[in-house]
Protein backbone atom coordinates (compact mmCIF):
# COMPACT_ATOMS: atom_id res chain seq x y z
CA UNK A 1 0.00 0.00 0.00
CA UNK A 2 1.39 3.46 -0.86
CA UNK A 3 2.68 5.59 1.99
CA UNK A 4 1.21 9.05 2.43
CA UNK A 5 4.39 11.15 2.64
CA UNK A 6 4.27 14.89 3.26
CA UNK A 7 6.40 17.73 4.55
CA UNK A 8 6.17 18.74 8.20
CA UNK A 9 6.16 22.51 7.97
CA UNK A 10 4.46 23.79 11.13
CA UNK A 11 6.41 24.51 14.32
CA UNK A 12 6.72 21.61 16.78
CA UNK A 13 8.89 20.77 19.78
CA UNK A 14 11.89 23.10 20.09
CA UNK A 15 10.50 25.33 17.33
CA UNK A 16 7.39 26.29 19.32
CA UNK A 17 7.20 29.57 21.23
CA UNK A 18 5.44 27.78 24.10
CA UNK A 19 5.80 24.12 25.04
CA UNK A 20 4.27 22.01 27.82
CA UNK A 21 5.47 18.54 28.82
CA UNK A 22 4.33 16.41 31.75
CA UNK A 23 5.40 13.07 33.18
CA UNK A 24 3.79 10.93 35.88
CA UNK A 25 6.58 8.98 37.59
CA UNK A 26 6.88 5.33 38.45
CA UNK A 27 5.05 5.62 41.78
CA UNK A 28 2.18 7.81 40.55
CA UNK A 29 -1.15 5.95 40.96
CA UNK A 30 -1.98 6.17 37.23
CA UNK A 31 1.47 4.92 36.26
CA UNK A 32 1.23 2.08 38.79
CA UNK A 33 -1.98 0.95 37.07
CA UNK A 34 -0.31 1.01 33.65
CA UNK A 35 2.67 -0.97 34.89
CA UNK A 36 0.61 -3.57 36.73
CA UNK A 37 -1.67 -4.12 33.72
CA UNK A 38 1.40 -4.55 31.52
CA UNK A 39 3.07 -6.83 34.08
CA UNK A 40 0.08 -9.21 33.93
CA UNK A 41 0.13 -8.94 30.13
CA UNK A 42 3.75 -10.08 30.11
CA UNK A 43 3.06 -12.85 32.63
CA UNK A 44 0.22 -14.20 30.49
CA UNK A 45 2.37 -14.04 27.35
CA UNK A 46 5.21 -15.95 29.01
CA UNK A 47 2.83 -18.58 30.39
CA UNK A 48 1.18 -19.08 27.00
CA UNK A 49 4.55 -19.29 25.21
CA UNK A 50 6.01 -21.72 27.77
CA UNK A 51 2.97 -24.03 27.82
CA UNK A 52 1.49 -23.72 24.32
CA UNK A 53 4.32 -22.39 22.17
CA UNK A 54 2.57 -19.12 21.31
CA UNK A 55 0.66 -16.22 22.81
CA UNK A 56 -3.08 -16.81 23.11
CA UNK A 57 -5.83 -14.22 23.08
CA UNK A 58 -6.11 -11.83 26.04
CA UNK A 59 -6.59 -8.15 26.88
CA UNK A 60 -6.09 -7.02 30.47
CA UNK A 61 -5.95 -3.27 29.96
CA UNK A 62 -8.55 -2.10 32.49
CA UNK A 63 -7.14 -1.28 35.93
CA UNK A 64 -8.18 0.87 38.90
CA UNK A 65 -6.20 1.67 42.04
CA UNK A 66 -8.39 2.72 44.98
CA UNK A 67 -6.22 4.73 47.32
CA UNK A 68 -5.89 3.75 50.96
CA UNK A 69 -5.48 5.71 54.18
CA UNK A 70 -2.25 6.38 56.01
CA UNK A 71 -0.81 8.40 58.88
CA UNK A 72 2.48 9.77 57.59
CA UNK A 73 4.92 11.22 60.09
CA UNK A 74 8.55 12.18 60.37
CA UNK A 75 10.51 9.22 61.67
CA UNK A 76 7.78 6.71 60.84
CA UNK A 77 4.08 6.60 60.03
CA UNK A 78 1.47 3.88 59.54
CA UNK A 79 -0.81 2.46 56.87
CA UNK A 80 -4.33 2.61 58.32
CA UNK A 81 -6.30 1.10 55.45
CA UNK A 82 -4.76 -0.76 52.50
CA UNK A 83 -4.98 0.33 48.89
CA UNK A 84 -7.10 -1.86 46.63
CA UNK A 85 -6.18 -2.75 43.07
CA UNK A 86 -8.82 -3.93 40.60
CA UNK A 87 -7.61 -5.56 37.40
CA UNK A 88 -10.22 -6.37 34.76
CA UNK A 89 -10.10 -7.78 31.27
CA UNK A 90 -10.34 -10.96 29.24
CA UNK A 91 -7.95 -13.87 28.87
CA UNK A 92 -7.81 -17.42 27.54
CA UNK A 93 -8.40 -19.29 30.77
CA UNK A 94 -8.20 -22.83 29.38
CA UNK A 95 -6.53 -24.31 26.29
CA UNK A 96 -6.05 -27.91 25.15
CA UNK A 97 -7.25 -29.16 28.51
CA UNK A 98 -4.83 -26.98 30.48
CA UNK A 99 -6.22 -24.41 32.90
CA UNK A 100 -4.46 -21.05 32.94
CA UNK A 101 -4.02 -19.77 36.55
CA UNK A 102 -4.94 -16.18 35.69
CA UNK A 103 -5.64 -15.05 39.26
CA UNK A 104 -2.42 -16.57 40.55
CA UNK A 105 -0.46 -14.95 37.72
CA UNK A 106 -2.07 -11.60 38.53
CA UNK A 107 -1.18 -11.73 42.22
CA UNK A 108 2.37 -12.86 41.49
CA UNK A 109 2.77 -10.08 38.92
CA UNK A 110 1.57 -7.43 41.38
CA UNK A 111 3.83 -8.65 44.18
CA UNK A 112 6.83 -8.96 41.85
CA UNK A 113 6.39 -5.44 40.49
CA UNK A 114 6.02 -3.80 43.90
CA UNK A 115 8.99 -5.70 45.31
CA UNK A 116 11.15 -4.49 42.42
CA UNK A 117 9.90 -0.91 42.16
CA UNK A 118 8.21 0.22 45.39
CA UNK A 119 9.82 -2.00 48.05
CA UNK A 120 8.61 0.17 50.96
CA UNK A 121 5.07 -0.98 50.20
CA UNK A 122 4.20 -4.54 51.20
CA UNK A 123 1.67 -5.79 48.61
CA UNK A 124 0.47 -8.51 51.00
CA UNK A 125 -0.52 -6.15 53.82
CA UNK A 126 -0.69 -2.67 52.27
CA UNK A 127 -2.59 -3.68 49.13
CA UNK A 128 -5.56 -5.88 48.28
CA UNK A 129 -5.52 -7.25 44.75
CA UNK A 130 -8.80 -8.09 43.00
CA UNK A 131 -8.46 -10.07 39.76
CA UNK A 132 -11.62 -9.55 37.70
CA UNK A 133 -10.37 -11.14 34.48
CA UNK A 134 -12.93 -13.30 32.66
CA UNK A 135 -12.76 -15.66 29.70
CA UNK A 136 -12.42 -14.13 26.23
CA UNK A 137 -15.42 -13.57 23.99
CA UNK A 138 -15.97 -16.22 21.34
CA UNK A 139 -16.03 -13.78 18.38
CA UNK A 140 -12.73 -12.10 19.24
CA UNK A 141 -11.18 -15.46 20.10
CA UNK A 142 -12.21 -16.73 16.67
CA UNK A 143 -10.76 -13.63 14.98
CA UNK A 144 -7.53 -14.11 16.95
CA UNK A 145 -7.24 -17.77 15.96
CA UNK A 146 -7.78 -17.04 12.25
CA UNK A 147 -4.36 -15.44 12.00
CA UNK A 148 -0.94 -17.07 12.28
CA UNK A 149 2.64 -15.87 12.09
CA UNK A 150 2.88 -17.51 8.66
CA UNK A 151 -0.37 -16.21 7.16
CA UNK A 152 -0.51 -12.93 9.07
CA UNK A 153 -2.21 -11.98 12.33
CA UNK A 154 -5.49 -10.11 11.92
CA UNK A 155 -6.20 -6.75 13.56
CA UNK A 156 -8.78 -7.09 16.31
CA UNK A 157 -9.85 -3.45 16.12
CA UNK A 158 -10.00 -0.42 13.88
CA UNK A 159 -7.67 1.95 15.63
CA UNK A 160 -4.81 4.37 15.09
CA UNK A 161 -1.31 4.62 16.47
CA UNK A 162 0.98 7.62 16.41
CA UNK A 163 4.64 8.30 17.06
CA UNK A 164 7.15 11.09 16.67
CA UNK A 165 10.89 11.69 16.95
CA UNK A 166 13.15 13.11 18.15
CA UNK A 167 12.28 14.34 21.63
CA UNK A 168 12.53 18.08 22.14
CA UNK A 169 14.99 19.43 24.68
CA UNK A 170 12.18 20.05 27.19
CA UNK A 171 10.79 16.53 26.66
CA UNK A 172 14.25 15.06 27.25
CA UNK A 173 14.74 17.16 30.40
CA UNK A 174 11.38 16.16 31.88
CA UNK A 175 12.07 12.51 31.09
CA UNK A 176 15.59 12.65 32.56
CA UNK A 177 14.47 14.44 35.73
CA UNK A 178 12.17 11.58 36.74
CA UNK A 179 14.82 8.99 35.94
CA UNK A 180 17.51 10.88 37.89
CA UNK A 181 15.32 11.27 40.99
CA UNK A 182 14.38 7.61 40.76
CA UNK A 183 18.07 6.67 40.64
CA UNK A 184 18.77 8.84 43.69
CA UNK A 185 15.87 7.19 45.52
CA UNK A 186 17.40 3.74 45.10
CA UNK A 187 21.03 4.80 45.55
CA UNK A 188 21.62 6.68 48.77
CA UNK A 189 18.52 8.85 49.13
CA UNK A 190 15.64 6.63 50.35
CA UNK A 191 13.82 9.73 51.60
CA UNK A 192 12.90 10.45 47.96
CA UNK A 193 9.74 8.50 47.17
CA UNK A 194 8.96 7.12 43.72
CA UNK A 195 5.76 9.11 43.24
CA UNK A 196 7.32 11.94 41.26
CA UNK A 197 5.38 14.15 38.87
CA UNK A 198 7.20 16.60 36.61
CA UNK A 199 5.61 19.48 34.72
CA UNK A 200 7.79 21.41 32.31
CA UNK A 201 6.75 24.73 30.77
CA UNK A 202 8.87 26.57 28.24
CA UNK A 203 8.18 30.11 27.05
CA UNK A 204 10.79 31.03 24.51
CA UNK A 205 14.07 30.07 26.17
CA UNK A 206 12.67 30.28 29.71
CA UNK A 207 11.98 26.89 31.28
CA UNK A 208 10.14 26.31 34.53
CA UNK A 209 10.02 22.86 36.10
CA UNK A 210 7.46 22.03 38.77
CA UNK A 211 8.21 18.81 40.63
CA UNK A 212 5.86 17.02 43.00
CA UNK A 213 7.91 14.55 45.03
CA UNK A 214 6.51 12.23 47.70
CA UNK A 215 9.08 12.11 50.50
CA UNK A 216 9.26 9.14 52.90
CA UNK A 217 8.82 10.17 56.54
CA UNK A 218 10.72 7.30 58.14
CA UNK A 219 13.97 8.63 56.64
CA UNK A 220 13.47 12.23 57.80
CA UNK A 221 13.94 13.43 61.37
CA UNK A 222 11.84 16.57 61.09
CA UNK A 223 11.00 19.71 59.13
CA UNK A 224 14.61 20.85 58.81
CA UNK A 225 15.63 17.55 57.19
CA UNK A 226 12.57 17.70 54.94
CA UNK A 227 13.51 21.17 53.72
CA UNK A 228 17.09 19.99 53.13
CA UNK A 229 15.79 17.01 51.14
CA UNK A 230 13.73 19.35 48.97
CA UNK A 231 16.89 21.32 48.35
CA UNK A 232 18.73 18.15 47.26
CA UNK A 233 15.91 17.36 44.82
CA UNK A 234 15.92 20.88 43.39
CA UNK A 235 19.69 20.72 42.90
CA UNK A 236 19.43 17.35 41.13
CA UNK A 237 16.76 18.77 38.81
CA UNK A 238 18.98 21.77 38.11
CA UNK A 239 21.88 19.48 37.19
CA UNK A 240 19.70 17.58 34.72
CA UNK A 241 18.55 20.81 33.06
CA UNK A 242 22.13 22.13 32.92
CA UNK A 243 23.30 18.90 31.27
CA UNK A 244 21.09 19.89 28.33
CA UNK A 245 22.21 23.53 28.35
CA UNK A 246 19.05 24.80 30.02
CA UNK A 247 18.91 27.32 32.85
CA UNK A 248 15.61 26.35 34.43
CA UNK A 249 13.71 27.78 37.36
CA UNK A 250 12.61 24.99 39.68
CA UNK A 251 9.86 24.54 42.24
CA UNK A 252 9.55 21.43 44.42
CA UNK A 253 6.30 20.57 46.22
CA UNK A 254 4.69 23.93 45.53
CA UNK A 255 1.69 23.08 47.72
CA UNK A 256 3.71 22.85 50.93
CA UNK A 257 2.95 25.10 53.92
CA UNK A 258 5.79 24.41 56.36
CA UNK A 259 4.49 26.96 58.87
CA UNK A 260 1.38 24.85 59.45
CA UNK A 261 3.22 21.54 59.12
CA UNK A 262 1.50 20.70 55.82
CA UNK A 263 4.16 19.03 53.66
CA UNK A 264 4.31 16.13 51.19
CA UNK A 265 5.38 13.26 53.46
CA UNK A 266 4.27 9.65 52.95
CA UNK A 267 4.80 6.26 54.56
CA UNK A 268 5.65 4.31 51.39
CA UNK A 269 6.59 6.93 48.80
CA UNK A 270 3.32 7.04 46.84
CA UNK A 271 0.25 9.25 47.16
CA UNK A 272 -1.88 6.16 46.51
CA UNK A 273 -1.53 5.28 50.20
CA UNK A 274 -3.63 8.26 51.28
CA UNK A 275 -6.03 10.19 49.14
CA UNK A 276 -5.12 9.63 45.50
CA UNK A 277 -6.45 7.00 43.15
CA UNK A 278 -5.23 5.70 39.81
CA UNK A 279 -6.51 4.34 36.53
CA UNK A 280 -4.82 2.77 33.52
CA UNK A 281 -4.62 4.93 30.42
CA UNK A 282 -4.85 8.30 32.19
CA UNK A 283 -1.17 9.11 32.26
CA UNK A 284 1.93 8.81 30.13
CA UNK A 285 1.65 7.91 26.48
CA UNK A 286 3.65 5.01 25.08
CA UNK A 287 6.95 6.97 25.08
CA UNK A 288 6.64 7.80 28.79
CA UNK A 289 5.57 11.43 28.35
CA UNK A 290 2.45 13.57 28.17
CA UNK A 291 3.03 16.17 25.46
CA UNK A 292 -0.18 18.03 24.50
CA UNK A 293 1.41 19.83 21.53
CA UNK A 294 2.47 16.53 19.93
CA UNK A 295 0.42 14.08 17.82
CA UNK A 296 -1.18 11.71 20.28
CA UNK A 297 -3.89 9.14 20.80
CA UNK A 298 -6.03 8.39 23.84
CA UNK A 299 -5.54 4.67 23.27
CA UNK A 300 -4.54 2.92 26.50
CA UNK A 301 -1.61 0.68 25.57
CA UNK A 302 -0.72 -1.14 28.79
CA UNK A 303 -2.20 -4.63 29.18
CA UNK A 304 -3.28 -5.10 25.57
CA UNK A 305 -2.04 -8.21 23.79
CA UNK A 306 0.87 -7.66 21.41
CA UNK A 307 -0.27 -10.14 18.78
CA UNK A 308 -3.44 -8.64 17.30
CA UNK A 309 -4.34 -5.56 19.34
CA UNK A 310 -3.44 -2.67 17.08
CA UNK A 311 -4.11 -0.24 19.95
CA UNK A 312 -0.75 -1.41 21.26
CA UNK A 313 1.00 -2.61 18.11
CA UNK A 314 0.46 0.47 15.96
CA UNK A 315 1.58 2.87 18.68
CA UNK A 316 4.76 0.81 19.04
CA UNK A 317 5.32 0.62 15.30
CA UNK A 318 4.60 4.32 14.71
CA UNK A 319 7.08 5.35 17.39
CA UNK A 320 9.75 3.00 16.07
CA UNK A 321 9.23 4.11 12.46
CA UNK A 322 9.54 7.78 13.42
CA UNK A 323 12.67 7.16 15.49
CA UNK A 324 14.36 5.10 12.79
CA UNK A 325 13.55 7.69 10.13
CA UNK A 326 15.40 10.31 12.18
CA UNK A 327 18.27 8.00 13.14
CA UNK A 328 18.87 6.36 9.77
CA UNK A 329 17.86 8.85 7.08
CA UNK A 330 20.41 11.65 6.86
CA UNK A 331 17.96 14.10 5.32
CA UNK A 332 15.27 13.73 8.04
CA UNK A 333 15.38 16.05 11.06
CA UNK A 334 11.96 15.15 12.53
CA UNK A 335 9.27 12.59 11.78
CA UNK A 336 5.63 12.08 12.69
CA UNK A 337 4.02 8.72 11.87
CA UNK A 338 0.36 7.71 11.94
CA UNK A 339 -0.93 4.18 11.28
CA UNK A 340 -4.62 3.25 10.94
CA UNK A 341 -5.79 -0.36 11.08
CA UNK A 342 -8.92 -2.08 9.88
CA UNK A 343 -10.43 -4.89 11.95
CA UNK A 344 -10.01 -8.28 10.32
CA UNK A 345 -7.19 -7.22 8.01
CA UNK A 346 -3.59 -8.38 8.52
CA UNK A 347 -1.74 -6.17 10.99
CA UNK A 348 0.98 -5.76 8.36
CA UNK A 349 -1.52 -4.02 6.04
CA UNK A 350 -2.70 -0.73 7.56
CA UNK A 351 -5.49 1.04 5.76
CA UNK A 352 -3.38 4.22 6.07
CA UNK A 353 0.31 4.82 6.67
CA UNK A 354 1.11 8.52 6.92
CA UNK A 355 4.48 10.13 7.58
CA UNK A 356 5.24 13.82 7.85
CA UNK A 357 8.90 14.71 7.68
CA UNK A 358 10.86 17.82 8.51
CA UNK A 359 13.79 17.75 6.14
CA UNK A 360 17.31 19.04 6.47
CA UNK A 361 18.53 21.66 3.97
CA UNK A 362 19.22 20.20 0.57
CA UNK A 363 16.95 17.18 1.00
CA UNK A 364 13.63 16.42 -0.71
CA UNK A 365 10.73 14.06 -0.09
CA UNK A 366 11.71 12.11 -3.17
CA UNK A 367 15.12 11.45 -1.61
CA UNK A 368 13.42 9.81 1.39
CA UNK A 369 10.78 7.63 -0.29
CA UNK A 370 12.83 4.44 -0.60
CA UNK A 371 14.31 4.68 2.89
CA UNK A 372 10.93 5.38 4.49
CA UNK A 373 9.28 2.51 2.62
CA UNK A 374 11.98 0.09 3.78
CA UNK A 375 11.68 1.16 7.42
CA UNK A 376 7.87 0.92 7.37
CA UNK A 377 7.96 -2.54 5.79
CA UNK A 378 10.54 -3.79 8.31
CA UNK A 379 8.69 -2.49 11.37
CA UNK A 380 5.31 -3.80 10.22
CA UNK A 381 6.88 -7.22 9.56
CA UNK A 382 8.42 -7.19 13.05
CA UNK A 383 4.97 -6.87 14.62
CA UNK A 384 4.56 -10.64 14.20
CA UNK A 385 7.14 -11.10 16.97
CA UNK A 386 6.27 -8.07 19.12
CA UNK A 387 4.74 -10.24 21.84
CA UNK A 388 7.94 -12.22 22.25
CA UNK A 389 10.03 -9.04 22.14
CA UNK A 390 7.97 -7.43 24.91
CA UNK A 391 8.13 -10.60 26.99
CA UNK A 392 11.93 -10.64 26.54
CA UNK A 393 12.24 -6.94 27.41
CA UNK A 394 13.77 -5.81 24.10
CA UNK A 395 10.60 -3.82 23.40
CA UNK A 396 9.00 -1.80 26.20
CA UNK A 397 6.26 0.73 26.77
CA UNK A 398 6.27 3.88 28.92
CA UNK A 399 9.96 4.25 28.06
CA UNK A 400 12.07 6.04 25.48
CA UNK A 401 13.40 4.72 23.21
CA UNK A 402 10.84 1.97 22.72
CA UNK A 403 13.42 -0.59 21.60
CA UNK A 404 16.62 -1.31 23.48
CA UNK A 405 19.71 -0.23 21.62
CA UNK A 406 18.13 2.72 19.82
CA UNK A 407 19.41 6.22 20.46
């Protein structure tokens, strides 16, 4: 199918006069829901591959985190009522006489993720997990089974996926700030919780970064240590901005009122313990950012199967195509990619493939046609093994770049 190829002429990213970029960090309730849905998705894929030699039909992309109640305090604090996590969706629960232990896989996935990423929270006492996954519908199961790796998997929805590259300087700064604070949290600064939200606003060359950081009370002796910890966070954010030649103004926990004792202190490092709730699909897009001036889709990616669900596959492919176009085609400075599927058609045959390219001086669209066509064909062909790549960790969501080894 021909590729719709056009010039990208309007201002985007660094070329905009005003830019806004947001990121909800690893411990944010919405991000937790995305990660837990995806963790069960990966667990199901691995179980199906290990027992049946291939991924079977499932979609577990609906998740809700009902916040608990806690009593945070300097030097300690207590969880008064546990958080509750509700995971809903559909999965193949039995195949060839073998029962699939979906509920057991869900609980193991939740406990494994919290142990690895939010170890201050005990998922057995501080969280109740409710697995509401039911058997798949017969019509979608039939559509799933009609496709094979040899003949082509069939799209289970009519949907669109979008991607763009490269990241703007502000996008890279916001992304790096959350990663840097997360690294500090696990290496020498346990007082920094993992619920970190970053909002970046750029007006011309002026950048302002607002950081909401959940501090952990047990590692702080009082208000003076809390204020010092905020200073450490602000300095780390400043270093990240400076590493990308940005002189940013920084505000940490803008809602604090130290005079009244109202500050952002938690027991476990996440606001989900006391007063905030989460839902899958309400936060970061597939590249780990929320960028309202960029092409985007409201499709919730986490938890969808990576065999036929184009809501996941086409967002992955679009992002990879855009990144490769920038990395591999010397004449391309920026790329936007949009893929539209059609239910029942092979996933390798979108009904529309559209790329908009910002070209470097001296280049033309005609110069890029062959290279773009090759990249699109390769990435669409790779979708047949996307499930295995996600299960192996070489593809990932909520991260940039989407594939390990890319720039």
